[in-house]
Every structure is written in structure tokens, then in C-alpha cells.
Amino acid sequence: MNPIEDIITTIQTLFTKQPNTIYEVRIVHQRYANKVNIFFEYYKIGQARRSQQIARLDEAYRLQIPELAKQIHQATRLTVHTSVLLY
């Protein structure tokens, strides 16, 4: 399996439908560490957000973040946020 398939499998394992719970995936480029981190986030309405790191990819994936976000969304139907500046 490639890393993206592993990430999608991990997300599907963590995603348990609970009432009044919001699930999201966040992809963050750490500029100074030269890594791309992927987090699985969830929270119940009115409670604090919980975030769990599910992957840490090399700098080479930075330019693939939009495509990665699209693949994750298509496979899981979860909202995917990215906080990355592509320059």
C-alpha cells in the first residue's frame, strides 16, 4: 500500500458516526520542519475539538496537497481543510 491508501484506511477506521459530532481532516504544511502533517479532527457540538495526527509525510508531498485533499474527500466524504501556501 502507498502512504495515501494507508491514510484513507486510518481515517475510515477512526470515523465512527456519532450523533451531533463533526468530523474533519486537516492537512498542514510545516514550512520549517519540511513536513506535511495530516490530522483527523472531531468534536461534539458545544465541546472542544480533538485532533489526532494520523500521518507525517515528506516535503515532496507539498505540491500534491490539493490532489491529496481531493482523494481523501472522495474516499471518505469528510470535509478536508488545508492550510498551505503553495509558492
N, C-alpha and C. Protein backbone atom coordinates (compact mmCIF):
# COMPACT_ATOMS: atom_id res chain seq x y z
N MET A 1 0.84 -1.19 0.00
CA MET A 1 0.00 0.00 0.00
C MET A 1 0.88 1.25 0.00
N ASN A 2 0.41 2.27 -0.67
CA ASN A 2 1.14 3.53 -0.64
C ASN A 2 0.66 4.37 0.55
N PRO A 3 1.36 5.42 0.88
CA PRO A 3 1.00 6.21 2.07
C PRO A 3 -0.41 6.79 2.02
N ILE A 4 -0.88 7.16 0.84
CA ILE A 4 -2.21 7.76 0.73
C ILE A 4 -3.29 6.72 1.03
N GLU A 5 -3.10 5.51 0.56
CA GLU A 5 -4.06 4.45 0.87
C GLU A 5 -4.05 4.14 2.37
N ASP A 6 -2.88 4.17 2.99
CA ASP A 6 -2.78 3.97 4.43
C ASP A 6 -3.53 5.06 5.19
N ILE A 7 -3.39 6.31 4.73
CA ILE A 7 -4.06 7.43 5.38
C ILE A 7 -5.58 7.26 5.28
N ILE A 8 -6.06 6.91 4.12
CA ILE A 8 -7.50 6.74 3.92
C ILE A 8 -8.02 5.59 4.78
N THR A 9 -7.28 4.50 4.87
CA THR A 9 -7.67 3.37 5.72
C THR A 9 -7.73 3.80 7.18
N THR A 10 -6.75 4.57 7.63
CA THR A 10 -6.73 5.04 9.02
C THR A 10 -7.93 5.95 9.29
N ILE A 11 -8.25 6.84 8.36
CA ILE A 11 -9.40 7.73 8.54
C ILE A 11 -10.68 6.92 8.63
N GLN A 12 -10.84 5.94 7.76
CA GLN A 12 -12.05 5.12 7.79
C GLN A 12 -12.17 4.33 9.08
N THR A 13 -11.03 3.95 9.66
CA THR A 13 -11.04 3.25 10.94
C THR A 13 -11.46 4.18 12.07
N LEU A 14 -10.97 5.42 12.06
CA LEU A 14 -11.27 6.38 13.12
C LEU A 14 -12.67 6.98 13.00
N PHE A 15 -13.22 7.01 11.81
CA PHE A 15 -14.52 7.65 11.58
C PHE A 15 -15.65 6.73 12.05
N THR A 16 -16.19 7.07 13.20
CA THR A 16 -17.36 6.36 13.73
C THR A 16 -18.48 7.37 13.84
N LYS A 17 -19.55 7.15 13.14
CA LYS A 17 -20.65 8.11 13.14
C LYS A 17 -21.29 8.16 14.52
N GLN A 18 -21.17 9.32 15.14
CA GLN A 18 -21.80 9.59 16.42
C GLN A 18 -22.75 10.77 16.25
N PRO A 19 -23.86 10.78 16.95
CA PRO A 19 -24.78 11.92 16.81
C PRO A 19 -24.14 13.22 17.31
N ASN A 20 -24.47 14.30 16.64
CA ASN A 20 -24.01 15.65 17.00
C ASN A 20 -22.50 15.77 17.02
N THR A 21 -21.81 15.05 16.17
CA THR A 21 -20.36 15.09 16.12
C THR A 21 -19.92 15.50 14.71
N ILE A 22 -18.96 16.41 14.66
CA ILE A 22 -18.42 16.90 13.39
C ILE A 22 -17.06 16.26 13.19
N TYR A 23 -16.83 15.70 12.00
CA TYR A 23 -15.56 15.05 11.66
C TYR A 23 -14.92 15.80 10.50
N GLU A 24 -13.61 16.04 10.58
CA GLU A 24 -12.88 16.74 9.54
C GLU A 24 -11.47 16.19 9.43
N VAL A 25 -10.84 16.46 8.31
CA VAL A 25 -9.43 16.14 8.11
C VAL A 25 -8.71 17.45 7.81
N ARG A 26 -7.56 17.65 8.42
CA ARG A 26 -6.78 18.87 8.21
C ARG A 26 -5.39 18.49 7.69
N ILE A 27 -4.98 19.14 6.62
CA ILE A 27 -3.66 18.92 6.05
C ILE A 27 -2.85 20.21 6.23
N VAL A 28 -1.72 20.09 6.88
CA VAL A 28 -0.91 21.25 7.23
C VAL A 28 0.52 21.06 6.73
N HIS A 29 1.04 22.08 6.07
CA HIS A 29 2.44 22.07 5.65
C HIS A 29 3.26 22.78 6.72
N GLN A 30 4.18 22.06 7.33
CA GLN A 30 5.08 22.66 8.30
C GLN A 30 6.30 23.16 7.54
N ARG A 31 6.34 24.44 7.33
CA ARG A 31 7.37 25.05 6.49
C ARG A 31 8.77 24.82 7.04
N TYR A 32 8.97 24.99 8.33
CA TYR A 32 10.32 24.92 8.89
C TYR A 32 10.78 23.49 9.16
N ALA A 33 9.84 22.58 9.34
CA ALA A 33 10.20 21.17 9.54
C ALA A 33 10.25 20.41 8.22
N ASN A 34 9.79 21.06 7.16
CA ASN A 34 9.73 20.43 5.83
C ASN A 34 8.95 19.13 5.84
N LYS A 35 7.78 19.17 6.47
CA LYS A 35 6.90 18.01 6.54
C LYS A 35 5.47 18.42 6.21
N VAL A 36 4.66 17.45 5.85
CA VAL A 36 3.23 17.64 5.66
C VAL A 36 2.54 16.76 6.68
N ASN A 37 1.78 17.38 7.58
CA ASN A 37 1.07 16.63 8.61
C ASN A 37 -0.40 16.52 8.25
N ILE A 38 -0.98 15.37 8.58
CA ILE A 38 -2.40 15.14 8.35
C ILE A 38 -3.03 14.78 9.68
N PHE A 39 -4.10 15.51 10.02
CA PHE A 39 -4.79 15.32 11.29
C PHE A 39 -6.23 14.91 11.06
N PHE A 40 -6.72 14.03 11.93
CA PHE A 40 -8.13 13.67 11.98
C PHE A 40 -8.71 14.43 13.16
N GLU A 41 -9.70 15.27 12.90
CA GLU A 41 -10.28 16.10 13.95
C GLU A 41 -11.76 15.80 14.09
N TYR A 42 -12.22 15.85 15.33
CA TYR A 42 -13.64 15.64 15.59
C TYR A 42 -14.03 16.38 16.86
N TYR A 43 -15.29 16.74 16.94
CA TYR A 43 -15.79 17.39 18.14
C TYR A 43 -17.31 17.30 18.18
N LYS A 44 -17.80 17.20 19.38
CA LYS A 44 -19.24 17.25 19.58
C LYS A 44 -19.63 18.71 19.66
N ILE A 45 -20.81 19.01 19.21
CA ILE A 45 -21.28 20.38 19.22
C ILE A 45 -21.27 20.89 20.66
N GLY A 46 -20.61 22.03 20.87
CA GLY A 46 -20.53 22.63 22.19
C GLY A 46 -19.35 22.15 23.02
N GLN A 47 -18.51 21.31 22.46
CA GLN A 47 -17.35 20.80 23.20
C GLN A 47 -16.06 21.12 22.43
N ALA A 48 -14.95 20.90 23.08
CA ALA A 48 -13.65 21.21 22.48
C ALA A 48 -13.33 20.24 21.34
N ARG A 49 -12.57 20.74 20.39
CA ARG A 49 -12.12 19.95 19.24
C ARG A 49 -11.02 19.00 19.68
N ARG A 50 -11.05 17.79 19.17
CA ARG A 50 -9.98 16.81 19.42
C ARG A 50 -9.28 16.55 18.10
N SER A 51 -7.97 16.53 18.16
CA SER A 51 -7.18 16.38 16.96
C SER A 51 -6.16 15.26 17.17
N GLN A 52 -6.06 14.39 16.17
CA GLN A 52 -5.13 13.26 16.25
C GLN A 52 -4.32 13.22 14.97
N GLN A 53 -2.99 13.26 15.11
CA GLN A 53 -2.13 13.17 13.93
C GLN A 53 -2.16 11.75 13.40
N ILE A 54 -2.45 11.64 12.10
CA ILE A 54 -2.53 10.30 11.52
C ILE A 54 -1.43 10.04 10.50
N ALA A 55 -0.74 11.11 10.05
CA ALA A 55 0.34 10.90 9.09
C ALA A 55 1.28 12.10 9.11
N ARG A 56 2.53 11.81 8.78
CA ARG A 56 3.55 12.84 8.63
C ARG A 56 4.35 12.47 7.38
N LEU A 57 4.16 13.27 6.33
CA LEU A 57 4.76 12.97 5.04
C LEU A 57 5.94 13.89 4.77
N ASP A 58 6.78 13.50 3.84
CA ASP A 58 7.95 14.29 3.46
C ASP A 58 7.55 15.53 2.67
N GLU A 59 8.49 16.43 2.53
CA GLU A 59 8.32 17.68 1.80
C GLU A 59 7.88 17.45 0.35
N ALA A 60 8.22 16.31 -0.21
CA ALA A 60 7.87 16.01 -1.60
C ALA A 60 6.36 16.01 -1.84
N TYR A 61 5.57 15.79 -0.80
CA TYR A 61 4.11 15.77 -0.93
C TYR A 61 3.51 17.16 -0.88
N ARG A 62 4.29 18.20 -0.64
CA ARG A 62 3.75 19.56 -0.50
C ARG A 62 2.99 20.00 -1.74
N LEU A 63 3.53 19.75 -2.90
CA LEU A 63 2.87 20.16 -4.13
C LEU A 63 1.67 19.29 -4.48
N GLN A 64 1.57 18.15 -3.84
CA GLN A 64 0.46 17.23 -4.09
C GLN A 64 -0.69 17.43 -3.12
N ILE A 65 -0.61 18.43 -2.24
CA ILE A 65 -1.64 18.62 -1.21
C ILE A 65 -3.04 18.80 -1.81
N PRO A 66 -3.25 19.62 -2.85
CA PRO A 66 -4.61 19.73 -3.40
C PRO A 66 -5.16 18.40 -3.91
N GLU A 67 -4.33 17.63 -4.59
CA GLU A 67 -4.76 16.32 -5.08
C GLU A 67 -4.99 15.35 -3.93
N LEU A 68 -4.15 15.41 -2.93
CA LEU A 68 -4.30 14.57 -1.74
C LEU A 68 -5.61 14.88 -1.03
N ALA A 69 -5.93 16.15 -0.88
CA ALA A 69 -7.18 16.56 -0.25
C ALA A 69 -8.38 16.04 -1.05
N LYS A 70 -8.29 16.12 -2.35
CA LYS A 70 -9.37 15.65 -3.22
C LYS A 70 -9.56 14.14 -3.08
N GLN A 71 -8.46 13.39 -3.06
CA GLN A 71 -8.54 11.93 -2.92
C GLN A 71 -9.16 11.54 -1.58
N ILE A 72 -8.74 12.21 -0.52
CA ILE A 72 -9.27 11.89 0.81
C ILE A 72 -10.76 12.21 0.87
N HIS A 73 -11.15 13.35 0.31
CA HIS A 73 -12.57 13.71 0.32
C HIS A 73 -13.41 12.72 -0.48
N GLN A 74 -12.93 12.32 -1.64
CA GLN A 74 -13.68 11.38 -2.48
C GLN A 74 -13.82 10.02 -1.81
N ALA A 75 -12.80 9.58 -1.09
CA ALA A 75 -12.83 8.26 -0.48
C ALA A 75 -13.64 8.23 0.82
N THR A 76 -13.62 9.36 1.57
CA THR A 76 -14.25 9.34 2.90
C THR A 76 -15.48 10.22 3.02
N ARG A 77 -15.65 11.17 2.10
CA ARG A 77 -16.73 12.15 2.13
C ARG A 77 -16.67 13.08 3.34
N LEU A 78 -15.50 13.22 3.94
CA LEU A 78 -15.30 14.14 5.05
C LEU A 78 -14.79 15.48 4.51
N THR A 79 -15.04 16.53 5.26
CA THR A 79 -14.50 17.84 4.92
C THR A 79 -12.99 17.82 5.12
N VAL A 80 -12.26 18.34 4.14
CA VAL A 80 -10.80 18.37 4.22
C VAL A 80 -10.37 19.83 4.15
N HIS A 81 -9.69 20.30 5.20
CA HIS A 81 -9.16 21.66 5.24
C HIS A 81 -7.66 21.60 4.98
N THR A 82 -7.16 22.58 4.23
CA THR A 82 -5.73 22.68 4.03
C THR A 82 -5.29 24.08 4.46
N SER A 83 -4.19 24.15 5.12
CA SER A 83 -3.61 25.45 5.48
C SER A 83 -2.19 25.46 4.94
N VAL A 84 -2.10 25.73 3.67
CA VAL A 84 -0.81 25.65 3.00
C VAL A 84 -0.72 26.78 1.97
N LEU A 85 0.46 27.34 1.86
CA LEU A 85 0.73 28.33 0.82
C LEU A 85 1.65 27.66 -0.20
N LEU A 86 1.18 27.54 -1.40
CA LEU A 86 1.99 26.93 -2.45
C LEU A 86 2.72 28.06 -3.17
N TYR A 87 4.02 28.10 -3.00
CA TYR A 87 4.82 29.14 -3.64
C TYR A 87 6.01 28.54 -4.31
